[in-house]
Amino acid sequence: MAATKTAQKDKSGTFQVDAEALDGRSLRTGDGTMPSTTSGTAVGVKEIDAETTAAAPQTASGGGFWRLSTISLLVCVALPFILACFYYFALATDQYVAETRFAVRSLASGSSSDASGQLLTTSPLAQDGYVVTSFIHSTEILRRIEERVDLRSYFQRDEIDYFSRLADDATREDLLDYWSNQVTTYIDGPSGIITLRVRAHSPEDARELAQIIIEESEILVNQLSERARADYIRRAEQEVASTAGRYEQALAQLNEFQNDRSILSVEAQATETGQLLTGLLQEKLTVDSRLFVLAQNSISDAPQVRQLQRTQEALDTQIAELRGQLASGDTADGNLSRYLREFAEYETERLLASGLYEAARRNLAQAELEADRQAVYVTVFVEPSVPEDARYPQRFIMPLLILLGCAIAWGIVALIIASVEDHRT
């Protein structure tokens, strides 16, 4: 009787025929042929072996992927975390932060409710604050600081760890990048307050650098203020110079006219001449009256009449001369009407030049006052102090951040590779 044949899988992953399922007789008959039952069993074993052979590479491939994933997890996640912990807890140098706060302000005019008029108040200037912060992060402040102290020595000391130290062959651009990492600024928009934080590897260095930055910022603001003040009043000064030259020229012309004509004031001279002419006319009128009286009395040949006639002629000559001095049709020298016209021209030019000069002087004084009101300056209300505790490096946070970042990156790459392998099989 033929027993039912079964196939079992051993530990090596291959299929074998259960020996107990076969009977004790030989699988072959006497004539050497395979019985039908045995023949069927052999065919089944061959099919199972074929399926096992096809599945074996897939199993081996899956096991290799997970082994590779485990190794990559250790190398890409665990190892960086261990190295980060070693660096931050054993090698990293302490860094101290000195903080100061200041503002860039300007004098402004504010109204007062009492009889004192206007009071000077201060107002913040956010725009100038941004100028100062830009200056703090520029190569210009590095140049100015290096003129005062050896800036590189603050960041190249032997006790500073390799990764925090400024390279010995660092260029100016490298120094600027390092400086921007060590010095931070923040501007509060509404108030215009600037917060400055300086990181250094010793408390004294942090405070000293913060104090130097404040001093250089004050120098910059003063320079900008002086330049703006000079630009603001330069035009007013030019106007004063121009009008002063015109006024001096008018005075010179008037003085020359007075010296040439020997007249201090034409108006005064005309008034004096007019008074003389009036006196002569009155005197002539008196002489004429007396001559008329004598003529009525038929005393024409008397010495008194001849004397009065000579006096009358002299008076007529003087009156004609004085009238010629006051006004005449010719242009001869001594014509007061001509002098008066020329004097009026010179005097008008002098008065106009004087008015323009006085107005220019007032404008200059107003420009100087306005420039003083718009002058900017630095107000430090939180002086830099020596820090007591090191705030950097962040020995607990940074290793955890590195661990988190490496884990996320490794997970993304692992998912991508797993997806690719899944599509391939």
Protein backbone atom coordinates (compact mmCIF):
# COMPACT_ATOMS: atom_id res chain seq x y z
CA MET A 1 0.00 0.00 0.00
CA ALA A 2 1.45 3.35 -1.03
CA ALA A 3 1.57 5.93 1.75
CA THR A 4 0.76 9.63 1.22
CA LYS A 5 3.92 11.66 0.57
CA THR A 6 4.53 15.04 2.30
CA ALA A 7 7.26 17.60 1.92
CA GLN A 8 8.75 19.46 4.85
CA LYS A 9 10.95 22.53 4.90
CA ASP A 10 14.11 22.23 6.97
CA LYS A 11 16.01 25.01 8.68
CA SER A 12 18.21 25.65 5.64
CA GLY A 13 15.20 26.67 3.59
CA THR A 14 15.10 23.53 1.30
CA PHE A 15 12.27 21.05 0.98
CA GLN A 16 12.76 17.27 1.73
CA VAL A 17 10.41 14.32 1.40
CA ASP A 18 9.23 12.85 4.67
CA ALA A 19 10.85 9.41 4.89
CA GLU A 20 8.16 8.06 7.17
CA ALA A 21 5.53 8.76 4.51
CA LEU A 22 7.13 6.13 2.27
CA ASP A 23 6.67 2.44 2.85
CA GLY A 24 9.55 0.15 3.59
CA ARG A 25 9.65 -1.12 0.03
CA SER A 26 11.93 0.26 -2.58
CA LEU A 27 10.60 3.01 -4.71
CA ARG A 28 11.37 0.97 -7.74
CA THR A 29 9.62 -2.26 -8.77
CA GLY A 30 11.28 -5.34 -9.75
CA ASP A 31 11.61 -4.32 -13.34
CA GLY A 32 13.19 -0.97 -12.35
CA THR A 33 10.17 1.23 -13.05
CA MET A 34 8.83 3.87 -10.68
CA PRO A 35 5.45 3.07 -9.25
CA SER A 36 2.75 5.53 -10.03
CA THR A 37 2.47 6.71 -6.45
CA THR A 38 6.17 7.25 -6.17
CA SER A 39 6.31 9.01 -9.52
CA GLY A 40 3.70 11.49 -8.43
CA THR A 41 5.58 12.20 -5.26
CA ALA A 42 8.81 12.96 -7.16
CA VAL A 43 7.05 15.38 -9.45
CA GLY A 44 5.63 17.26 -6.45
CA VAL A 45 9.04 17.55 -4.82
CA LYS A 46 10.51 19.05 -7.99
CA GLU A 47 7.80 21.72 -8.14
CA ILE A 48 8.31 22.69 -4.48
CA ASP A 49 12.08 22.98 -5.04
CA ALA A 50 11.51 25.29 -8.00
CA GLU A 51 9.27 27.63 -5.99
CA THR A 52 11.72 27.67 -3.09
CA THR A 53 14.59 28.56 -5.42
CA ALA A 54 12.64 31.55 -6.78
CA ALA A 55 11.70 32.87 -3.30
CA ALA A 56 15.16 32.51 -1.75
CA PRO A 57 16.75 35.60 -3.50
CA GLN A 58 13.85 37.78 -2.41
CA THR A 59 14.29 36.77 1.24
CA ALA A 60 18.02 37.36 1.12
CA SER A 61 17.50 40.80 -0.53
CA GLY A 62 15.05 41.92 2.18
CA GLY A 63 17.39 40.93 4.97
CA GLY A 64 20.27 42.86 3.38
CA PHE A 65 18.19 46.05 3.09
CA TRP A 66 17.33 46.08 6.77
CA ARG A 67 20.93 45.37 7.75
CA LEU A 68 22.03 48.30 5.58
CA SER A 69 19.37 50.50 7.14
CA THR A 70 20.58 49.70 10.61
CA ILE A 71 24.18 50.48 9.74
CA SER A 72 23.21 53.75 8.05
CA LEU A 73 21.14 54.73 11.09
CA LEU A 74 24.13 54.27 13.34
CA VAL A 75 26.48 56.12 10.99
CA CYS A 76 24.18 58.99 9.94
CA VAL A 77 22.26 59.60 13.18
CA ALA A 78 23.87 58.06 16.21
CA LEU A 79 27.48 58.88 15.32
CA PRO A 80 26.87 62.63 14.63
CA PHE A 81 24.94 62.87 17.88
CA ILE A 82 27.78 61.28 19.83
CA LEU A 83 30.35 63.54 18.17
CA ALA A 84 28.19 66.61 18.85
CA CYS A 85 27.87 65.69 22.51
CA PHE A 86 31.62 65.16 22.74
CA TYR A 87 32.36 68.54 21.14
CA TYR A 88 29.84 70.64 23.05
CA PHE A 89 30.50 69.04 26.44
CA ALA A 90 34.25 68.46 26.19
CA LEU A 91 35.80 70.79 23.61
CA ALA A 92 33.60 73.85 22.99
CA THR A 93 34.88 77.07 24.57
CA ASP A 94 32.56 79.22 26.66
CA GLN A 95 31.34 82.42 25.05
CA TYR A 96 30.09 85.42 27.03
CA VAL A 97 27.58 88.02 25.84
CA ALA A 98 27.74 91.71 26.75
CA GLU A 99 24.52 93.60 26.05
CA THR A 100 23.92 97.33 25.74
CA ARG A 101 21.00 99.46 24.59
CA PHE A 102 21.06 102.89 23.02
CA ALA A 103 19.10 105.11 20.67
CA VAL A 104 19.83 107.73 18.01
CA ARG A 105 17.86 110.87 18.83
CA SER A 106 17.46 114.42 17.59
CA LEU A 107 16.40 117.72 19.14
CA ALA A 108 12.91 118.68 18.01
CA SER A 109 10.68 121.65 18.71
CA GLY A 110 7.63 121.03 20.78
CA SER A 111 4.93 123.50 21.77
CA SER A 112 4.43 124.48 25.36
CA SER A 113 1.17 125.40 27.05
CA ASP A 114 2.68 128.15 29.17
CA ALA A 115 4.24 131.48 28.31
CA SER A 116 7.69 129.99 27.75
CA GLY A 117 6.88 129.41 24.10
CA GLN A 118 8.63 126.38 22.65
CA LEU A 119 10.55 123.72 24.47
CA LEU A 120 13.26 121.46 23.09
CA THR A 121 12.31 117.79 23.24
CA THR A 122 13.96 114.68 21.85
CA SER A 123 12.57 112.40 19.16
CA PRO A 124 13.85 109.00 17.98
CA LEU A 125 15.17 108.59 14.45
CA ALA A 126 14.63 105.06 13.18
CA GLN A 127 16.32 105.76 9.87
CA ASP A 128 19.53 106.89 11.53
CA GLY A 129 19.27 103.81 13.76
CA TYR A 130 19.40 101.58 10.69
CA VAL A 131 22.42 103.55 9.49
CA VAL A 132 24.20 102.81 12.78
CA THR A 133 23.37 99.09 12.70
CA SER A 134 24.57 98.86 9.12
CA PHE A 135 27.79 100.56 10.18
CA ILE A 136 28.25 98.07 13.03
CA HIS A 137 28.16 95.18 10.51
CA SER A 138 30.47 96.80 7.96
CA THR A 139 34.17 96.69 7.21
CA GLU A 140 34.44 100.36 8.14
CA ILE A 141 33.96 99.68 11.84
CA LEU A 142 36.47 96.83 11.61
CA ARG A 143 39.01 99.26 10.17
CA ARG A 144 38.34 101.81 12.91
CA ILE A 145 38.52 99.22 15.69
CA GLU A 146 41.77 97.79 14.32
CA GLU A 147 43.25 101.29 14.51
CA ARG A 148 42.57 101.24 18.25
CA VAL A 149 43.13 97.59 19.30
CA ASP A 150 44.31 94.29 17.84
CA LEU A 151 40.86 92.95 16.96
CA ARG A 152 42.01 89.58 15.62
CA SER A 153 43.74 88.72 18.89
CA TYR A 154 40.35 88.61 20.62
CA PHE A 155 39.29 85.66 18.47
CA GLN A 156 42.59 83.85 17.75
CA ARG A 157 43.77 82.89 21.22
CA ASP A 158 45.11 79.42 21.86
CA GLU A 159 42.53 78.57 24.52
CA ILE A 160 39.69 78.93 22.00
CA ASP A 161 38.61 75.66 20.43
CA TYR A 162 39.35 75.03 16.75
CA PHE A 163 35.80 75.40 15.46
CA SER A 164 35.17 78.66 17.36
CA ARG A 165 38.52 80.28 16.62
CA LEU A 166 39.15 82.76 13.82
CA ALA A 167 41.56 81.30 11.30
CA ASP A 168 45.09 82.67 11.36
CA ASP A 169 45.02 83.36 7.60
CA ALA A 170 41.52 84.86 7.64
CA THR A 171 40.93 87.59 5.06
CA ARG A 172 39.03 90.78 5.75
CA GLU A 173 35.90 89.19 4.29
CA ASP A 174 36.33 86.18 6.59
CA LEU A 175 36.79 88.53 9.53
CA LEU A 176 33.59 90.36 8.58
CA ASP A 177 31.65 87.08 8.44
CA TYR A 178 33.06 86.04 11.80
CA TRP A 179 32.29 89.49 13.23
CA SER A 180 28.68 89.34 12.00
CA ASN A 181 28.30 86.03 13.81
CA GLN A 182 29.71 87.44 17.05
CA VAL A 183 27.89 90.81 17.00
CA THR A 184 24.11 91.10 16.65
CA THR A 185 21.85 94.16 16.62
CA TYR A 186 18.11 94.60 16.87
CA ILE A 187 16.01 97.76 16.38
CA ASP A 188 12.68 98.19 18.09
CA GLY A 189 10.55 99.94 15.48
CA PRO A 190 8.22 102.13 17.57
CA SER A 191 10.81 103.34 20.08
CA GLY A 192 13.94 103.23 17.89
CA ILE A 193 15.90 101.52 20.66
CA ILE A 194 18.91 99.56 19.39
CA THR A 195 19.91 96.42 21.30
CA LEU A 196 23.56 95.41 20.79
CA ARG A 197 24.91 92.01 21.84
CA VAL A 198 28.60 91.16 21.58
CA ARG A 199 29.92 87.59 22.01
CA ALA A 200 33.49 86.98 23.09
CA HIS A 201 35.47 84.22 24.78
CA SER A 202 36.01 86.15 28.00
CA PRO A 203 33.73 88.50 29.96
CA GLU A 204 36.19 91.39 29.81
CA ASP A 205 36.63 91.08 26.04
CA ALA A 206 32.86 91.13 25.49
CA ARG A 207 32.41 94.30 27.53
CA GLU A 208 35.44 96.04 25.98
CA LEU A 209 34.30 95.34 22.43
CA ALA A 210 30.77 96.52 23.21
CA GLN A 211 32.14 99.77 24.65
CA ILE A 212 34.34 100.33 21.58
CA ILE A 213 31.37 99.78 19.27
CA ILE A 214 29.34 102.36 21.20
CA GLU A 215 32.15 104.91 21.01
CA GLU A 216 32.69 104.39 17.28
CA SER A 217 28.94 104.67 16.68
CA GLU A 218 28.89 107.99 18.53
CA ILE A 219 31.78 109.24 16.39
CA LEU A 220 29.94 108.20 13.22
CA VAL A 221 26.70 109.90 14.29
CA ASN A 222 28.57 113.09 15.17
CA GLN A 223 30.29 113.08 11.80
CA LEU A 224 26.99 112.58 9.99
CA SER A 225 25.40 115.32 12.07
CA GLU A 226 28.20 117.80 11.35
CA ARG A 227 28.10 116.98 7.65
CA ALA A 228 24.32 117.42 7.50
CA ARG A 229 24.59 120.70 9.44
CA ALA A 230 27.28 122.00 7.09
CA ASP A 231 25.22 121.04 4.03
CA TYR A 232 22.13 122.63 5.52
CA ILE A 233 23.68 126.04 6.22
CA ARG A 234 26.09 126.15 3.25
CA ARG A 235 23.48 127.67 0.96
CA ALA A 236 22.57 130.29 3.55
CA GLU A 237 26.23 131.18 3.98
CA GLN A 238 26.65 131.49 0.22
CA GLU A 239 23.66 133.84 0.10
CA VAL A 240 25.12 135.94 2.91
CA ALA A 241 28.46 136.15 1.11
CA SER A 242 26.78 137.18 -2.14
CA THR A 243 24.62 139.89 -0.58
CA ALA A 244 27.53 141.14 1.53
CA GLY A 245 29.60 141.64 -1.62
CA ARG A 246 26.76 143.52 -3.27
CA TYR A 247 26.30 145.71 -0.20
CA GLU A 248 30.00 146.50 -0.04
CA GLN A 249 30.00 147.44 -3.70
CA ALA A 250 27.02 149.76 -3.23
CA LEU A 251 28.71 151.43 -0.28
CA ALA A 252 31.91 151.89 -2.29
CA GLN A 253 30.03 153.50 -5.18
CA LEU A 254 28.15 155.85 -2.87
CA ASN A 255 31.32 156.81 -1.05
CA GLU A 256 33.11 157.49 -4.31
CA PHE A 257 30.24 159.70 -5.46
CA GLN A 258 30.30 161.67 -2.22
CA ASN A 259 34.05 162.15 -2.40
CA ASP A 260 33.97 163.23 -6.05
CA ARG A 261 31.13 165.72 -5.49
CA SER A 262 32.28 166.76 -2.01
CA ILE A 263 28.69 166.26 -0.89
CA LEU A 264 27.80 164.15 2.07
CA SER A 265 24.10 164.24 1.29
CA VAL A 266 22.52 165.75 -1.80
CA GLU A 267 19.24 166.18 -0.01
CA ALA A 268 20.89 168.10 2.78
CA GLN A 269 22.80 170.18 0.24
CA ALA A 270 19.63 170.93 -1.70
CA THR A 271 17.85 171.87 1.48
CA GLU A 272 20.67 174.20 2.43
CA THR A 273 20.74 175.74 -1.06
CA GLY A 274 17.00 176.16 -0.97
CA GLN A 275 17.21 177.94 2.34
CA LEU A 276 19.89 180.27 0.96
CA LEU A 277 17.79 180.94 -2.13
CA THR A 278 14.79 181.70 0.03
CA GLY A 279 16.81 184.18 2.08
CA LEU A 280 18.14 185.87 -1.03
CA LEU A 281 14.66 186.11 -2.50
CA GLN A 282 13.39 187.69 0.69
CA GLU A 283 16.28 190.12 0.70
CA LYS A 284 15.72 190.94 -2.96
CA LEU A 285 12.08 191.52 -2.25
CA THR A 286 13.08 194.01 0.43
CA VAL A 287 15.48 195.78 -1.93
CA ASP A 288 12.87 195.90 -4.66
CA SER A 289 10.38 197.38 -2.24
CA ARG A 290 12.73 200.13 -1.18
CA LEU A 291 13.64 200.94 -4.78
CA PHE A 292 9.97 201.14 -5.63
CA VAL A 293 9.38 203.54 -2.77
CA LEU A 294 12.31 205.72 -3.82
CA ALA A 295 11.16 205.68 -7.44
CA GLN A 296 7.74 206.90 -6.34
CA ASN A 297 9.39 209.78 -4.54
CA SER A 298 11.38 210.72 -7.67
CA ILE A 299 14.68 210.10 -5.98
CA SER A 300 16.34 208.07 -8.72
CA ASP A 301 19.77 209.67 -8.66
CA ALA A 302 20.42 209.49 -4.98
CA PRO A 303 23.43 207.42 -3.81
CA GLN A 304 21.11 205.30 -1.80
CA VAL A 305 19.23 204.32 -4.96
CA ARG A 306 22.42 203.39 -6.76
CA GLN A 307 23.53 201.32 -3.80
CA LEU A 308 20.22 199.51 -3.72
CA GLN A 309 20.44 198.91 -7.47
CA ARG A 310 23.90 197.36 -7.12
CA THR A 311 22.58 195.25 -4.27
CA GLN A 312 19.66 194.23 -6.44
CA GLU A 313 21.99 193.15 -9.24
CA ALA A 314 24.13 191.14 -6.87
CA LEU A 315 21.10 189.47 -5.44
CA ASP A 316 19.85 188.59 -8.91
CA THR A 317 23.22 187.07 -9.77
CA GLN A 318 23.28 184.99 -6.59
CA ILE A 319 19.68 183.92 -7.04
CA ALA A 320 20.36 182.83 -10.63
CA GLU A 321 23.44 180.90 -9.52
CA LEU A 322 21.60 179.14 -6.75
CA ARG A 323 18.74 178.29 -9.06
CA GLY A 324 21.28 176.91 -11.52
CA GLN A 325 22.70 174.72 -8.77
CA LEU A 326 19.28 173.41 -7.89
CA ALA A 327 18.02 172.77 -11.40
CA SER A 328 18.94 173.74 -14.92
CA GLY A 329 18.64 172.48 -18.45
CA ASP A 330 22.36 171.76 -18.93
CA THR A 331 24.42 168.91 -17.48
CA ALA A 332 27.21 170.96 -16.04
CA ASP A 333 28.80 169.98 -12.78
CA GLY A 334 27.23 171.49 -9.73
CA ASN A 335 23.64 170.71 -10.79
CA LEU A 336 22.00 169.45 -7.63
CA SER A 337 19.10 167.92 -9.52
CA ARG A 338 21.58 165.76 -11.45
CA TYR A 339 23.43 164.99 -8.25
CA LEU A 340 20.18 164.10 -6.59
CA ARG A 341 19.30 161.67 -9.36
CA GLU A 342 22.70 159.99 -9.20
CA PHE A 343 22.66 160.00 -5.42
CA ALA A 344 19.18 158.49 -5.44
CA GLU A 345 20.40 155.65 -7.66
CA TYR A 346 23.39 154.90 -5.42
CA GLU A 347 21.35 155.28 -2.26
CA THR A 348 18.60 152.99 -3.62
CA GLU A 349 21.17 150.36 -4.51
CA ARG A 350 22.67 150.68 -1.03
CA LEU A 351 19.33 150.33 0.68
CA LEU A 352 18.39 147.34 -1.50
CA ALA A 353 21.74 145.64 -0.91
CA SER A 354 21.47 146.37 2.80
CA GLY A 355 17.99 144.84 2.96
CA LEU A 356 19.11 141.74 1.08
CA TYR A 357 22.14 141.39 3.32
CA GLU A 358 20.07 141.70 6.48
CA ALA A 359 17.57 139.13 5.16
CA ALA A 360 20.42 136.76 4.30
CA ARG A 361 21.85 137.18 7.80
CA ARG A 362 18.47 136.35 9.32
CA ASN A 363 18.15 133.30 7.07
CA LEU A 364 21.60 132.16 8.12
CA ALA A 365 20.73 132.50 11.79
CA GLN A 366 17.50 130.58 11.22
CA ALA A 367 19.34 127.89 9.26
CA GLU A 368 21.89 127.49 12.05
CA LEU A 369 19.11 127.19 14.60
CA GLU A 370 17.26 124.64 12.48
CA ALA A 371 20.47 122.68 11.89
CA ASP A 372 21.12 122.60 15.63
CA ARG A 373 17.59 121.33 16.22
CA GLN A 374 18.07 118.57 13.66
CA ALA A 375 21.42 117.46 15.06
CA VAL A 376 21.46 113.77 15.99
CA TYR A 377 23.32 112.10 18.82
CA VAL A 378 23.59 108.72 20.53
CA THR A 379 21.90 108.21 23.88
CA VAL A 380 23.15 105.17 25.83
CA PHE A 381 20.78 104.23 28.63
CA VAL A 382 22.02 100.66 29.28
CA GLU A 383 25.80 100.65 29.60
CA PRO A 384 27.65 97.42 28.71
CA SER A 385 28.61 95.41 31.78
CA VAL A 386 30.86 92.42 32.41
CA PRO A 387 28.79 89.21 31.97
CA GLU A 388 29.00 86.59 34.70
CA ASP A 389 27.67 83.44 33.00
CA ALA A 390 28.50 81.97 29.60
CA ARG A 391 25.42 81.89 27.38
CA TYR A 392 27.09 80.02 24.52
CA PRO A 393 27.50 77.35 23.36
CA GLN A 394 24.10 75.83 24.10
CA ARG A 395 25.42 72.45 25.21
CA PHE A 396 22.07 70.66 25.52
CA ILE A 397 20.05 72.23 22.75
CA MET A 398 22.59 71.96 19.92
CA PRO A 399 23.21 68.16 20.20
CA LEU A 400 19.46 67.57 20.32
CA LEU A 401 18.94 69.74 17.26
CA ILE A 402 21.69 67.85 15.42
CA LEU A 403 20.09 64.54 16.41
CA LEU A 404 16.69 65.70 15.23
CA GLY A 405 18.01 67.02 11.94
CA CYS A 406 20.02 63.87 11.17
CA ALA A 407 17.07 61.63 12.10
CA ILE A 408 14.69 63.52 9.81
CA ALA A 409 17.18 63.45 6.93
CA TRP A 410 17.89 59.74 7.42
CA GLY A 411 14.18 58.92 7.60
CA ILE A 412 13.45 60.75 4.35
CA VAL A 413 16.29 58.98 2.51
CA ALA A 414 15.28 55.59 3.95
CA LEU A 415 11.68 56.03 2.82
CA ILE A 416 12.81 56.95 -0.67
CA ILE A 417 15.08 53.89 -0.94
CA ALA A 418 12.37 51.59 0.44
CA SER A 419 9.89 52.94 -2.07
CA VAL A 420 12.33 52.36 -4.92
CA GLU A 421 13.03 48.78 -3.79
CA ASP A 422 9.35 48.07 -3.44
CA HIS A 423 8.70 49.17 -7.04
CA ARG A 424 11.61 47.06 -8.31
CA THR A 425 10.30 43.81 -6.77
